[in-house]
Amino acid sequence: MMDKIALTLLIIGGLNWGLVGIFSFDLVAWAFGGQGAAISRIVYILVALSAAWCISLLFRRNAVTAEEV
């Protein structure tokens, strides 16, 4: 369950960065009252924590693949 939550937050973060890069539009900041707003900062922190969590997915997938072979 935690993996799915982390991946969902990473997708949100990735789409947000895509919007920033292409259109200079920060959807999270727009939705929650600016980059400095507490809720925006919480979303940014959750996305960062999700990225740290998903690093473990790289190693777990390799471990599972090695065991199956």
N, C-alpha and C. Protein backbone atom coordinates (compact mmCIF):
# COMPACT_ATOMS: atom_id res chain seq x y z
N MET A 1 0.82 -1.19 0.00
CA MET A 1 0.00 0.00 0.00
C MET A 1 0.87 1.27 0.00
N MET A 2 1.93 1.25 0.81
CA MET A 2 2.82 2.40 0.89
C MET A 2 3.48 2.68 -0.46
N ASP A 3 3.81 1.60 -1.19
CA ASP A 3 4.42 1.77 -2.50
C ASP A 3 3.49 2.51 -3.45
N LYS A 4 2.21 2.16 -3.43
CA LYS A 4 1.23 2.81 -4.32
C LYS A 4 1.04 4.28 -3.96
N ILE A 5 1.00 4.58 -2.67
CA ILE A 5 0.87 5.97 -2.24
C ILE A 5 2.09 6.78 -2.69
N ALA A 6 3.27 6.20 -2.48
CA ALA A 6 4.50 6.89 -2.88
C ALA A 6 4.56 7.10 -4.38
N LEU A 7 4.18 6.09 -5.15
CA LEU A 7 4.18 6.24 -6.61
C LEU A 7 3.16 7.27 -7.07
N THR A 8 2.01 7.32 -6.43
CA THR A 8 1.00 8.32 -6.77
C THR A 8 1.52 9.74 -6.51
N LEU A 9 2.18 9.92 -5.37
CA LEU A 9 2.74 11.24 -5.08
C LEU A 9 3.86 11.60 -6.04
N LEU A 10 4.64 10.63 -6.46
CA LEU A 10 5.70 10.90 -7.44
C LEU A 10 5.11 11.28 -8.80
N ILE A 11 4.02 10.66 -9.17
CA ILE A 11 3.36 11.02 -10.43
C ILE A 11 2.86 12.46 -10.35
N ILE A 12 2.25 12.81 -9.23
CA ILE A 12 1.78 14.20 -9.04
C ILE A 12 2.97 15.16 -9.12
N GLY A 13 4.05 14.82 -8.44
CA GLY A 13 5.24 15.68 -8.47
C GLY A 13 5.85 15.78 -9.87
N GLY A 14 5.90 14.65 -10.57
CA GLY A 14 6.44 14.67 -11.93
C GLY A 14 5.60 15.50 -12.88
N LEU A 15 4.30 15.36 -12.78
CA LEU A 15 3.41 16.17 -13.63
C LEU A 15 3.54 17.65 -13.29
N ASN A 16 3.67 17.95 -12.00
CA ASN A 16 3.84 19.34 -11.59
C ASN A 16 5.14 19.91 -12.16
N TRP A 17 6.24 19.15 -12.07
CA TRP A 17 7.51 19.62 -12.63
C TRP A 17 7.43 19.77 -14.14
N GLY A 18 6.68 18.90 -14.80
CA GLY A 18 6.47 19.05 -16.23
C GLY A 18 5.76 20.35 -16.57
N LEU A 19 4.74 20.68 -15.79
CA LEU A 19 4.03 21.94 -16.00
C LEU A 19 4.95 23.14 -15.74
N VAL A 20 5.79 23.03 -14.71
CA VAL A 20 6.72 24.12 -14.42
C VAL A 20 7.70 24.28 -15.58
N GLY A 21 8.23 23.18 -16.08
CA GLY A 21 9.21 23.24 -17.15
C GLY A 21 8.64 23.71 -18.48
N ILE A 22 7.45 23.28 -18.81
CA ILE A 22 6.86 23.61 -20.11
C ILE A 22 6.15 24.96 -20.09
N PHE A 23 5.37 25.19 -19.05
CA PHE A 23 4.50 26.37 -19.03
C PHE A 23 4.84 27.38 -17.93
N SER A 24 5.85 27.12 -17.12
CA SER A 24 6.18 27.95 -15.96
C SER A 24 4.96 28.11 -15.05
N PHE A 25 4.24 27.01 -14.85
CA PHE A 25 3.03 27.01 -14.04
C PHE A 25 3.15 25.93 -12.95
N ASP A 26 3.16 26.34 -11.71
CA ASP A 26 3.25 25.42 -10.58
C ASP A 26 1.84 25.13 -10.08
N LEU A 27 1.33 23.96 -10.44
CA LEU A 27 -0.05 23.60 -10.10
C LEU A 27 -0.25 23.47 -8.59
N VAL A 28 0.73 22.91 -7.90
CA VAL A 28 0.61 22.77 -6.44
C VAL A 28 0.52 24.15 -5.78
N ALA A 29 1.40 25.05 -6.18
CA ALA A 29 1.38 26.40 -5.62
C ALA A 29 0.07 27.11 -5.97
N TRP A 30 -0.39 26.94 -7.17
CA TRP A 30 -1.64 27.57 -7.60
C TRP A 30 -2.82 27.02 -6.80
N ALA A 31 -2.85 25.71 -6.58
CA ALA A 31 -3.98 25.09 -5.91
C ALA A 31 -4.02 25.40 -4.41
N PHE A 32 -2.84 25.61 -3.81
CA PHE A 32 -2.80 25.73 -2.36
C PHE A 32 -2.32 27.08 -1.86
N GLY A 33 -2.29 28.10 -2.70
CA GLY A 33 -2.02 29.46 -2.23
C GLY A 33 -0.58 29.92 -2.29
N GLY A 34 0.20 29.40 -3.20
CA GLY A 34 1.57 29.85 -3.37
C GLY A 34 2.59 28.85 -2.85
N GLN A 35 3.84 29.02 -3.28
CA GLN A 35 4.89 28.10 -2.89
C GLN A 35 5.20 28.14 -1.41
N GLY A 36 5.01 29.28 -0.78
CA GLY A 36 5.32 29.43 0.63
C GLY A 36 4.21 28.99 1.56
N ALA A 37 3.04 28.69 1.02
CA ALA A 37 1.91 28.28 1.87
C ALA A 37 2.23 26.95 2.54
N ALA A 38 1.76 26.80 3.75
CA ALA A 38 2.07 25.61 4.54
C ALA A 38 1.65 24.32 3.83
N ILE A 39 0.46 24.30 3.25
CA ILE A 39 -0.01 23.08 2.59
C ILE A 39 0.82 22.77 1.35
N SER A 40 1.24 23.79 0.61
CA SER A 40 2.11 23.56 -0.54
C SER A 40 3.43 22.95 -0.11
N ARG A 41 3.98 23.48 0.95
CA ARG A 41 5.25 22.95 1.45
C ARG A 41 5.10 21.52 1.94
N ILE A 42 3.96 21.21 2.53
CA ILE A 42 3.70 19.83 2.97
C ILE A 42 3.64 18.90 1.77
N VAL A 43 2.96 19.34 0.70
CA VAL A 43 2.90 18.51 -0.52
C VAL A 43 4.29 18.31 -1.08
N TYR A 44 5.10 19.36 -1.15
CA TYR A 44 6.47 19.23 -1.66
C TYR A 44 7.28 18.26 -0.80
N ILE A 45 7.12 18.33 0.50
CA ILE A 45 7.85 17.44 1.41
C ILE A 45 7.38 16.00 1.22
N LEU A 46 6.08 15.79 1.08
CA LEU A 46 5.57 14.44 0.86
C LEU A 46 6.07 13.84 -0.45
N VAL A 47 6.16 14.67 -1.49
CA VAL A 47 6.70 14.19 -2.76
C VAL A 47 8.18 13.80 -2.60
N ALA A 48 8.93 14.60 -1.87
CA ALA A 48 10.34 14.29 -1.64
C ALA A 48 10.49 13.01 -0.82
N LEU A 49 9.69 12.83 0.21
CA LEU A 49 9.73 11.61 1.00
C LEU A 49 9.34 10.39 0.16
N SER A 50 8.38 10.59 -0.74
CA SER A 50 7.97 9.51 -1.63
C SER A 50 9.12 9.11 -2.56
N ALA A 51 9.85 10.09 -3.03
CA ALA A 51 11.00 9.79 -3.88
C ALA A 51 12.03 8.98 -3.11
N ALA A 52 12.29 9.36 -1.87
CA ALA A 52 13.24 8.61 -1.04
C ALA A 52 12.74 7.18 -0.81
N TRP A 53 11.44 7.03 -0.57
CA TRP A 53 10.86 5.71 -0.38
C TRP A 53 11.01 4.86 -1.63
N CYS A 54 10.78 5.45 -2.79
CA CYS A 54 10.79 4.71 -4.05
C CYS A 54 12.20 4.27 -4.47
N ILE A 55 13.21 4.83 -3.86
CA ILE A 55 14.56 4.33 -4.12
C ILE A 55 14.62 2.85 -3.75
N SER A 56 13.92 2.48 -2.69
CA SER A 56 13.91 1.07 -2.27
C SER A 56 13.25 0.17 -3.31
N LEU A 57 12.36 0.70 -4.13
CA LEU A 57 11.72 -0.10 -5.17
C LEU A 57 12.74 -0.61 -6.17
N LEU A 58 13.73 0.18 -6.46
CA LEU A 58 14.77 -0.26 -7.39
C LEU A 58 15.47 -1.51 -6.88
N PHE A 59 15.78 -1.53 -5.62
CA PHE A 59 16.49 -2.66 -5.04
C PHE A 59 15.58 -3.85 -4.80
N ARG A 60 14.35 -3.61 -4.44
CA ARG A 60 13.42 -4.72 -4.22
C ARG A 60 13.09 -5.42 -5.51
N ARG A 61 12.90 -4.68 -6.58
CA ARG A 61 12.59 -5.31 -7.87
C ARG A 61 13.77 -6.16 -8.34
N ASN A 62 14.98 -5.67 -8.17
CA ASN A 62 16.15 -6.45 -8.57
C ASN A 62 16.27 -7.69 -7.72
N ALA A 63 15.99 -7.59 -6.44
CA ALA A 63 16.07 -8.75 -5.55
C ALA A 63 15.04 -9.81 -5.91
N VAL A 64 13.81 -9.35 -6.24
CA VAL A 64 12.76 -10.29 -6.63
C VAL A 64 13.13 -10.95 -7.95
N THR A 65 13.63 -10.17 -8.91
CA THR A 65 14.00 -10.73 -10.21
C THR A 65 15.11 -11.76 -10.05
N ALA A 66 16.09 -11.48 -9.21
CA ALA A 66 17.20 -12.41 -9.00
C ALA A 66 16.72 -13.70 -8.35
N GLU A 67 15.73 -13.62 -7.46
CA GLU A 67 15.21 -14.82 -6.81
C GLU A 67 14.41 -15.68 -7.78
N GLU A 68 13.71 -15.05 -8.71
CA GLU A 68 12.90 -15.79 -9.65
C GLU A 68 13.73 -16.54 -10.67
N VAL A 69 14.93 -16.06 -10.95
CA VAL A 69 15.80 -16.70 -11.93
C VAL A 69 16.46 -17.86 -11.33
